[in-house]
Amino acid sequence: MAGTTPGAPGTPGTPRVLRAMNDRAALDLLLEHGPLSRTRIGKLTGLSKPTASQLLARLEAAGLVVATGTSEGRPGPNAQLYTVNARAAHVAGLDVNGRRIVAAVADVTGRTVGEFELATPGRRADSVVRQVADALDGAVKDAGLTRADVHRLVIGTPGAFDPGTGRLRYASHLPGWHSPTLLDELAAFLPMPVEYENDVNLVAVAEQRLGAARGHEDFVLLWNEEGLGAALVINGRLHRGFTGGAGEVGFLPVPGTPLVRQVVKANSGGFQELAGAQAVPRLAKALGVDTPQQPYAKVAAELLARAADAYERDEALTELLRQYAQRLATGLASVTAVLDPGLIVLSGQAVAAGGEILRSLIQSELAELAASRPRLVVGEIDRTPVLRGALERALADTRDEVFDTSR
């Protein structure tokens, strides 16, 4: 067996690797706390003052940190503060649905520096590559950058790209996204690495990094907006399943609604019919509440917000909230029986509109229907959560590359 050259780059335990570990720890602390002095970095990392000084000089020379003012309000001379160089790297994210593509660019600190929305209804199915490029270019231009400045792009879509075939599954409402050559075409057209993820999975990423699931390694996120979906996080990792379809709970057969057959062709299933956004105006009408039926997600959110506001003061609206909570709990009981999560995050426009009252009603119903008792919380990322998750996913991988000083 060939021996390992002492001190070779990447060899565990060598000074180079130990320095890189300290560098990464300091960069993570600067991301978490904001500007810090040399003394503060030393205390937080356990490094001596001379070692902390060498670390900062090294990171500054590498373009990863910059000096940013001095500390004030403390005894003694003001100390120089350092922060992560926001221009060290940039990432982009796209949130795709059947009507539009929303794009954003963030610097390496996570701050969004450019945004753009491209309307796509009625677009030709063969123009997906152009749509992606136009949306990305709009956000890049808004950030004052070029495509070449973007280190990584993460695209969030409904459904999932089958790892075996490369084709998009479970999202028949996205014209042009089902070509078996699409991923290759995008890779050839764009200069940066491109990754793809289910939109609900990206919401879970955002909630785990920044929101209601922080500190949780095992949880389920239920998304209810235009469609019902779930993200499954097990041992800190997203579980995608064999075809990428894990979490497509809208197809779940449930009591209370007729069996839906040929679910992929119908693009719907039992749980979707029972508790999707389209079920809310139908239920309201059956209870005598005057309401339009479409657009489903918008109407459902408005009805549930009204019901929460009038809870126990308006009989019909109160019953609407109670019956809808029971419907959601019915599907969640099946999810709970299989996964036994400790936490379920309720997210999406339709669920968020019902607020704490709806959450509490679902929790009570689930306690009657499920053997275990997961805690239910309302998601905290309420502005473009899919896009935020895409940026967080891109940032994690990009930081691992850019912040690695061992090479």
Protein backbone atom coordinates (compact mmCIF):
# COMPACT_ATOMS: atom_id res chain seq x y z
CA MET A 1 0.00 0.00 0.00
CA ALA A 2 1.37 3.37 -0.94
CA GLY A 3 2.16 5.63 2.00
CA THR A 4 0.65 9.06 2.57
CA THR A 5 3.00 11.97 2.13
CA PRO A 6 3.27 13.83 5.46
CA GLY A 7 1.74 17.28 5.24
CA ALA A 8 -0.01 16.61 1.92
CA PRO A 9 -3.07 18.83 1.32
CA GLY A 10 -6.16 17.33 2.91
CA THR A 11 -4.29 14.87 5.18
CA PRO A 12 -6.19 14.69 8.50
CA GLY A 13 -4.28 16.10 11.46
CA THR A 14 -1.76 18.12 9.44
CA PRO A 15 -1.26 21.82 10.20
CA ARG A 16 -2.90 22.72 6.87
CA VAL A 17 -6.09 20.84 7.72
CA LEU A 18 -6.18 22.13 11.29
CA ARG A 19 -5.80 25.70 10.02
CA ALA A 20 -8.61 25.11 7.53
CA MET A 21 -10.86 23.80 10.31
CA ASN A 22 -10.15 26.90 12.40
CA ASP A 23 -10.74 29.10 9.35
CA ARG A 24 -14.14 27.52 8.72
CA ALA A 25 -15.11 27.79 12.39
CA ALA A 26 -14.27 31.51 12.36
CA LEU A 27 -16.19 32.10 9.13
CA ASP A 28 -19.25 30.31 10.51
CA LEU A 29 -19.07 32.43 13.66
CA LEU A 30 -18.92 35.61 11.58
CA LEU A 31 -21.96 34.46 9.62
CA GLU A 32 -23.84 33.71 12.83
CA HIS A 33 -22.85 36.72 14.94
CA GLY A 34 -21.97 39.42 12.43
CA PRO A 35 -18.86 41.61 12.78
CA LEU A 36 -16.43 40.39 15.47
CA SER A 37 -13.11 41.59 16.84
CA ARG A 38 -9.95 39.49 16.89
CA THR A 39 -10.30 39.07 20.66
CA ARG A 40 -13.91 37.92 20.39
CA ILE A 41 -13.08 35.44 17.63
CA GLY A 42 -10.28 34.08 19.80
CA LYS A 43 -12.62 33.57 22.75
CA LEU A 44 -15.32 31.91 20.66
CA THR A 45 -12.89 29.55 18.93
CA GLY A 46 -10.51 28.99 21.84
CA LEU A 47 -7.56 30.29 19.83
CA SER A 48 -4.79 32.43 21.27
CA LYS A 49 -4.58 36.09 20.24
CA PRO A 50 -1.55 35.52 17.97
CA THR A 51 -3.25 32.53 16.30
CA ALA A 52 -6.48 34.49 15.86
CA SER A 53 -4.50 37.35 14.31
CA GLN A 54 -2.80 34.95 11.87
CA LEU A 55 -6.19 33.42 11.02
CA LEU A 56 -7.75 36.79 10.22
CA ALA A 57 -4.74 37.86 8.16
CA ARG A 58 -4.98 34.62 6.20
CA LEU A 59 -8.71 34.99 5.58
CA GLU A 60 -8.33 38.65 4.63
CA ALA A 61 -5.59 37.78 2.13
CA ALA A 62 -7.85 35.09 0.66
CA GLY A 63 -10.63 37.65 0.17
CA LEU A 64 -12.97 35.85 2.59
CA VAL A 65 -13.13 38.52 5.32
CA VAL A 66 -12.88 42.29 5.32
CA ALA A 67 -12.30 44.86 8.02
CA THR A 68 -15.49 46.78 8.79
CA GLY A 69 -15.17 49.58 11.32
CA THR A 70 -14.29 49.39 15.01
CA SER A 71 -16.05 48.46 18.22
CA GLU A 72 -17.32 51.28 20.41
CA GLY A 73 -18.76 51.77 23.87
CA ARG A 74 -16.24 49.60 25.74
CA PRO A 75 -13.32 50.54 27.98
CA GLY A 76 -9.96 50.82 26.26
CA PRO A 77 -9.10 51.46 22.62
CA ASN A 78 -11.61 50.58 19.95
CA ALA A 79 -11.02 47.17 18.38
CA GLN A 80 -10.98 46.46 14.66
CA LEU A 81 -14.03 44.44 13.56
CA TYR A 82 -14.09 41.85 10.80
CA THR A 83 -16.93 40.39 8.76
CA VAL A 84 -17.37 37.89 5.94
CA ASN A 85 -16.69 39.43 2.55
CA ALA A 86 -20.16 39.40 1.00
CA ARG A 87 -18.70 39.51 -2.50
CA ALA A 88 -16.66 36.33 -2.07
CA ALA A 89 -19.43 34.34 -3.77
CA HIS A 90 -22.99 34.61 -5.05
CA VAL A 91 -25.71 32.02 -5.55
CA ALA A 92 -29.09 31.99 -7.26
CA GLY A 93 -32.40 30.26 -6.72
CA LEU A 94 -35.51 29.80 -8.87
CA ASP A 95 -39.06 29.02 -7.76
CA VAL A 96 -41.05 27.59 -10.68
CA ASN A 97 -44.78 27.03 -11.04
CA GLY A 98 -47.21 26.99 -13.96
CA ARG A 99 -47.70 30.77 -13.99
CA ARG A 100 -44.32 32.31 -13.28
CA ILE A 101 -40.67 31.85 -12.36
CA VAL A 102 -39.36 33.87 -9.43
CA ALA A 103 -35.58 34.24 -9.27
CA ALA A 104 -33.28 35.65 -6.61
CA VAL A 105 -29.56 36.13 -6.08
CA ALA A 106 -27.90 36.12 -2.66
CA ASP A 107 -24.36 36.93 -1.58
CA VAL A 108 -22.39 34.44 0.50
CA THR A 109 -23.73 35.90 3.76
CA GLY A 110 -27.27 34.96 2.69
CA ARG A 111 -28.46 38.50 1.98
CA THR A 112 -30.71 38.72 -1.08
CA VAL A 113 -29.23 41.25 -3.48
CA GLY A 114 -31.37 40.77 -6.60
CA GLU A 115 -34.87 39.53 -7.47
CA PHE A 116 -36.92 39.11 -10.62
CA GLU A 117 -40.27 37.58 -11.59
CA LEU A 118 -40.99 36.26 -15.07
CA ALA A 119 -44.61 35.56 -16.03
CA THR A 120 -44.88 32.28 -17.97
CA PRO A 121 -48.58 31.52 -18.65
CA GLY A 122 -49.15 30.62 -22.29
CA ARG A 123 -45.42 30.30 -22.98
CA ARG A 124 -44.43 27.68 -25.55
CA ALA A 125 -43.47 24.37 -24.02
CA ASP A 126 -40.12 24.31 -25.84
CA SER A 127 -38.91 27.59 -24.32
CA VAL A 128 -38.06 26.34 -20.81
CA VAL A 129 -34.32 26.91 -21.20
CA ARG A 130 -34.99 30.47 -22.36
CA GLN A 131 -37.43 31.04 -19.49
CA VAL A 132 -34.86 29.88 -16.94
CA ALA A 133 -32.17 32.04 -18.52
CA ASP A 134 -34.40 35.12 -18.68
CA ALA A 135 -35.50 34.76 -15.05
CA LEU A 136 -31.93 34.23 -13.86
CA ASP A 137 -30.61 37.14 -15.94
CA GLY A 138 -33.30 39.41 -14.52
CA ALA A 139 -32.24 38.68 -10.94
CA VAL A 140 -28.54 38.87 -11.81
CA LYS A 141 -29.02 42.25 -13.46
CA ASP A 142 -30.98 43.50 -10.45
CA ALA A 143 -28.00 42.51 -8.29
CA GLY A 144 -25.55 44.37 -10.54
CA LEU A 145 -23.79 41.12 -11.49
CA THR A 146 -23.35 38.84 -14.49
CA ARG A 147 -24.10 35.14 -14.92
CA ALA A 148 -20.40 34.39 -14.46
CA ASP A 149 -20.58 35.79 -10.90
CA VAL A 150 -23.07 33.11 -9.82
CA HIS A 151 -21.37 30.07 -8.28
CA ARG A 152 -24.41 27.79 -8.13
CA LEU A 153 -28.09 27.73 -9.12
CA VAL A 154 -30.81 25.71 -7.39
CA ILE A 155 -34.18 25.34 -9.15
CA GLY A 156 -37.30 24.40 -7.20
CA THR A 157 -40.22 22.83 -9.08
CA PRO A 158 -43.35 20.89 -8.20
CA GLY A 159 -42.87 17.13 -8.53
CA ALA A 160 -39.41 15.63 -8.78
CA PHE A 161 -36.85 14.71 -11.40
CA ASP A 162 -36.58 10.93 -11.52
CA PRO A 163 -32.92 10.08 -10.79
CA GLY A 164 -33.14 7.12 -13.17
CA THR A 165 -34.57 8.87 -16.22
CA GLY A 166 -33.99 12.58 -15.61
CA ARG A 167 -37.64 13.28 -16.38
CA LEU A 168 -39.92 15.40 -14.22
CA ARG A 169 -42.63 13.33 -12.51
CA TYR A 170 -45.78 14.26 -10.55
CA ALA A 171 -46.12 17.71 -12.17
CA SER A 172 -48.06 17.42 -15.43
CA HIS A 173 -49.07 21.10 -15.18
CA LEU A 174 -45.57 22.36 -16.10
CA PRO A 175 -45.41 22.37 -19.92
CA GLY A 176 -41.97 21.79 -21.37
CA TRP A 177 -40.38 20.55 -18.15
CA HIS A 178 -40.84 16.85 -18.97
CA SER A 179 -38.31 16.49 -21.77
CA PRO A 180 -35.75 13.75 -21.04
CA THR A 181 -33.01 16.06 -22.38
CA LEU A 182 -33.99 19.18 -20.42
CA LEU A 183 -31.42 18.80 -17.65
CA ASP A 184 -28.63 18.29 -20.21
CA GLU A 185 -29.80 21.33 -22.18
CA LEU A 186 -29.78 23.52 -19.09
CA ALA A 187 -26.36 22.23 -18.04
CA ALA A 188 -24.97 23.06 -21.49
CA PHE A 189 -26.55 26.52 -21.57
CA LEU A 190 -25.70 27.78 -18.07
CA PRO A 191 -22.11 28.39 -16.87
CA MET A 192 -22.62 27.38 -13.23
CA PRO A 193 -23.54 24.07 -11.54
CA VAL A 194 -27.32 23.62 -11.53
CA GLU A 195 -29.23 21.54 -8.98
CA TYR A 196 -32.91 20.65 -8.91
CA GLU A 197 -35.17 20.04 -5.93
CA ASN A 198 -38.83 19.56 -5.18
CA ASP A 199 -40.39 22.85 -4.10
CA VAL A 200 -41.83 21.50 -0.83
CA ASN A 201 -38.46 19.97 0.06
CA LEU A 202 -36.95 23.44 -0.32
CA VAL A 203 -39.54 24.89 2.06
CA ALA A 204 -38.37 22.29 4.57
CA VAL A 205 -34.76 23.37 4.02
CA ALA A 206 -35.73 26.97 4.75
CA GLU A 207 -37.68 26.01 7.89
CA GLN A 208 -34.85 23.81 9.17
CA ARG A 209 -32.17 26.44 8.59
CA LEU A 210 -34.07 29.58 9.54
CA GLY A 211 -37.57 28.79 10.79
CA ALA A 212 -39.81 26.56 12.87
CA ALA A 213 -37.74 23.37 12.45
CA ARG A 214 -34.39 24.76 13.63
CA GLY A 215 -32.61 22.20 15.78
CA HIS A 216 -34.80 19.32 14.59
CA GLU A 217 -33.27 16.33 12.81
CA ASP A 218 -36.57 14.51 12.22
CA PHE A 219 -39.73 16.27 11.09
CA VAL A 220 -42.45 16.38 8.45
CA LEU A 221 -43.50 19.55 6.67
CA LEU A 222 -47.02 19.67 5.22
CA TRP A 223 -47.44 22.21 2.43
CA ASN A 224 -50.91 23.28 1.33
CA GLU A 225 -51.22 25.91 -1.34
CA GLU A 226 -52.12 25.02 -4.92
CA GLY A 227 -51.43 21.38 -4.10
CA LEU A 228 -50.90 19.25 -1.00
CA GLY A 229 -47.38 17.97 -0.51
CA ALA A 230 -45.00 16.98 2.24
CA ALA A 231 -41.28 16.99 2.90
CA LEU A 232 -39.76 14.22 5.00
CA VAL A 233 -36.60 14.95 6.98
CA ILE A 234 -35.03 11.90 8.63
CA ASN A 235 -31.76 12.09 10.59
CA GLY A 236 -31.28 15.61 9.30
CA ARG A 237 -31.54 14.64 5.63
CA LEU A 238 -34.34 14.96 3.11
CA HIS A 239 -35.85 11.60 2.19
CA ARG A 240 -36.72 11.61 -1.51
CA GLY A 241 -37.56 7.98 -2.21
CA PHE A 242 -36.72 5.76 -5.17
CA THR A 243 -38.18 8.05 -7.88
CA GLY A 244 -37.98 11.31 -5.94
CA GLY A 245 -41.68 11.11 -5.10
CA ALA A 246 -41.50 10.68 -1.33
CA GLY A 247 -43.84 13.24 0.20
CA GLU A 248 -46.37 13.34 -2.63
CA VAL A 249 -49.11 12.93 -0.03
CA GLY A 250 -51.77 14.49 -2.23
CA PHE A 251 -52.02 11.06 -3.90
CA LEU A 252 -52.65 9.34 -0.54
CA PRO A 253 -55.95 7.39 -0.43
CA VAL A 254 -57.89 8.54 2.64
CA PRO A 255 -61.35 7.93 4.11
CA GLY A 256 -63.95 10.57 3.40
CA THR A 257 -63.46 10.79 -0.34
CA PRO A 258 -63.91 8.34 -3.23
CA LEU A 259 -60.83 6.48 -4.45
CA VAL A 260 -59.01 8.38 -7.18
CA ARG A 261 -57.57 6.01 -9.76
CA GLN A 262 -54.87 6.80 -12.34
CA VAL A 263 -53.64 9.47 -9.92
CA VAL A 264 -50.65 10.58 -12.00
CA LYS A 265 -52.84 11.13 -15.05
CA ALA A 266 -55.45 12.91 -12.94
CA ASN A 267 -52.69 14.88 -11.13
CA SER A 268 -54.73 14.45 -7.96
CA GLY A 269 -55.51 11.90 -5.27
CA GLY A 270 -57.61 11.21 -2.21
CA PHE A 271 -55.93 13.54 0.27
CA GLN A 272 -55.77 16.32 -2.32
CA GLU A 273 -59.50 15.98 -3.00
CA LEU A 274 -60.30 15.83 0.71
CA ALA A 275 -58.11 18.62 2.06
CA GLY A 276 -56.49 20.48 -0.84
CA ALA A 277 -57.20 24.16 -1.36
CA GLN A 278 -60.02 23.35 -3.79
CA ALA A 279 -61.90 21.56 -0.99
CA VAL A 280 -62.22 24.69 1.16
CA PRO A 281 -64.65 26.72 -1.02
CA ARG A 282 -66.68 23.56 -1.69
CA LEU A 283 -66.95 22.91 2.02
CA ALA A 284 -67.84 26.55 2.67
CA LYS A 285 -70.60 26.44 0.07
CA ALA A 286 -72.04 23.27 1.63
CA LEU A 287 -72.16 25.09 4.97
CA GLY A 288 -74.03 28.03 3.47
CA VAL A 289 -71.09 30.45 3.23
CA ASP A 290 -71.29 32.62 0.12
CA THR A 291 -67.97 32.43 -1.67
CA PRO A 292 -66.39 32.26 -5.11
CA GLN A 293 -64.76 28.94 -6.00
CA GLN A 294 -61.61 30.07 -7.81
CA PRO A 295 -58.72 30.76 -7.75
CA TYR A 296 -58.61 27.94 -5.22
CA ALA A 297 -55.53 28.86 -3.19
CA LYS A 298 -56.46 32.53 -2.86
CA VAL A 299 -60.12 31.82 -2.04
CA ALA A 300 -59.18 29.09 0.46
CA ALA A 301 -56.76 31.40 2.26
CA GLU A 302 -59.32 34.19 2.47
CA LEU A 303 -62.02 31.81 3.78
CA LEU A 304 -59.75 30.29 6.42
CA ALA A 305 -58.57 33.72 7.55
CA ARG A 306 -62.22 34.82 7.89
CA ALA A 307 -63.07 31.64 9.76
CA ALA A 308 -60.18 32.06 12.19
CA ASP A 309 -61.16 35.68 12.82
CA ALA A 310 -64.82 34.73 13.43
CA TYR A 311 -64.10 31.53 15.35
CA GLU A 312 -66.85 30.74 17.89
CA ARG A 313 -68.73 33.88 16.82
CA ASP A 314 -70.00 32.72 13.42
CA GLU A 315 -71.46 29.21 13.43
CA ALA A 316 -70.88 28.39 9.75
CA LEU A 317 -67.32 29.72 9.63
CA THR A 318 -66.48 27.99 12.89
CA GLU A 319 -67.75 24.70 11.48
CA LEU A 320 -65.75 25.30 8.32
CA LEU A 321 -62.53 25.57 10.34
CA ARG A 322 -63.35 22.51 12.44
CA GLN A 323 -64.24 20.31 9.50
CA TYR A 324 -61.21 21.39 7.53
CA ALA A 325 -58.95 20.68 10.51
CA GLN A 326 -60.44 17.18 10.70
CA ARG A 327 -59.74 16.61 7.02
CA LEU A 328 -56.10 17.65 7.35
CA ALA A 329 -55.69 15.54 10.48
CA THR A 330 -57.08 12.51 8.61
CA GLY A 331 -54.23 12.52 6.13
CA LEU A 332 -51.64 13.45 8.75
CA ALA A 333 -52.69 10.45 10.83
CA SER A 334 -51.52 8.14 8.02
CA VAL A 335 -48.24 10.05 7.71
CA THR A 336 -47.76 9.84 11.48
CA ALA A 337 -48.44 6.10 11.54
CA VAL A 338 -45.67 5.46 9.01
CA LEU A 339 -43.03 8.01 10.04
CA ASP A 340 -43.75 8.77 13.71
CA PRO A 341 -42.33 12.31 13.48
CA GLY A 342 -41.71 14.37 16.59
CA LEU A 343 -42.61 17.58 14.77
CA ILE A 344 -44.96 18.51 11.94
CA VAL A 345 -44.57 21.95 10.37
CA LEU A 346 -47.72 23.34 8.74
CA SER A 347 -46.86 25.62 5.84
CA GLY A 348 -48.34 27.17 2.73
CA GLN A 349 -50.88 29.89 2.12
CA ALA A 350 -53.98 27.85 2.94
CA VAL A 351 -52.74 26.55 6.29
CA ALA A 352 -51.01 29.75 7.37
CA ALA A 353 -54.22 31.72 6.88
CA GLY A 354 -55.94 29.66 9.59
CA GLY A 355 -53.15 30.54 12.01
CA GLU A 356 -52.91 29.29 15.55
CA ILE A 357 -56.60 28.41 15.79
CA LEU A 358 -56.42 26.03 12.82
CA ARG A 359 -53.15 24.56 14.11
CA SER A 360 -54.71 23.90 17.51
CA LEU A 361 -57.76 22.23 15.97
CA ILE A 362 -55.59 19.98 13.80
CA GLN A 363 -53.49 19.08 16.85
CA SER A 364 -56.61 18.10 18.80
CA GLU A 365 -58.02 16.03 15.91
CA LEU A 366 -54.69 14.30 15.31
CA ALA A 367 -54.53 13.33 18.98
CA GLU A 368 -57.74 11.36 18.43
CA LEU A 369 -56.66 9.75 15.16
CA ALA A 370 -52.96 8.91 15.60
CA ALA A 371 -51.20 6.61 18.06
CA SER A 372 -48.30 9.02 18.62
CA ARG A 373 -48.49 12.72 19.45
CA PRO A 374 -46.28 14.82 17.19
CA ARG A 375 -46.10 18.52 18.00
CA LEU A 376 -47.62 20.75 15.31
CA VAL A 377 -46.25 24.22 14.58
CA VAL A 378 -47.00 26.82 11.94
CA GLY A 379 -44.12 27.56 9.57
CA GLU A 380 -42.17 30.75 10.14
CA ILE A 381 -40.86 31.45 6.61
CA ASP A 382 -43.83 33.28 5.15
CA ARG A 383 -42.18 35.19 2.27
CA THR A 384 -41.18 33.14 -0.78
CA PRO A 385 -40.26 30.04 1.26
CA VAL A 386 -39.45 27.92 -1.81
CA LEU A 387 -37.04 30.58 -3.06
CA ARG A 388 -35.48 30.98 0.39
CA GLY A 389 -34.93 27.24 0.56
CA ALA A 390 -33.31 27.22 -2.88
CA LEU A 391 -30.90 29.94 -1.80
CA GLU A 392 -30.10 28.16 1.47
CA ARG A 393 -29.40 24.92 -0.39
CA ALA A 394 -27.12 26.73 -2.85
CA LEU A 395 -25.38 28.62 -0.05
CA ALA A 396 -24.58 25.47 1.93
CA ASP A 397 -22.75 23.81 -0.97
CA THR A 398 -21.08 27.03 -2.13
CA ARG A 399 -19.77 27.87 1.34
CA ASP A 400 -18.29 24.38 1.60
CA GLU A 401 -16.32 25.10 -1.56
CA VAL A 402 -15.41 28.76 -1.14
CA PHE A 403 -14.61 28.58 2.60
CA ASP A 404 -12.31 25.56 2.18
CA THR A 405 -8.80 26.96 2.70
CA SER A 406 -7.07 23.59 2.81
CA ARG A 407 -6.52 23.49 -0.96
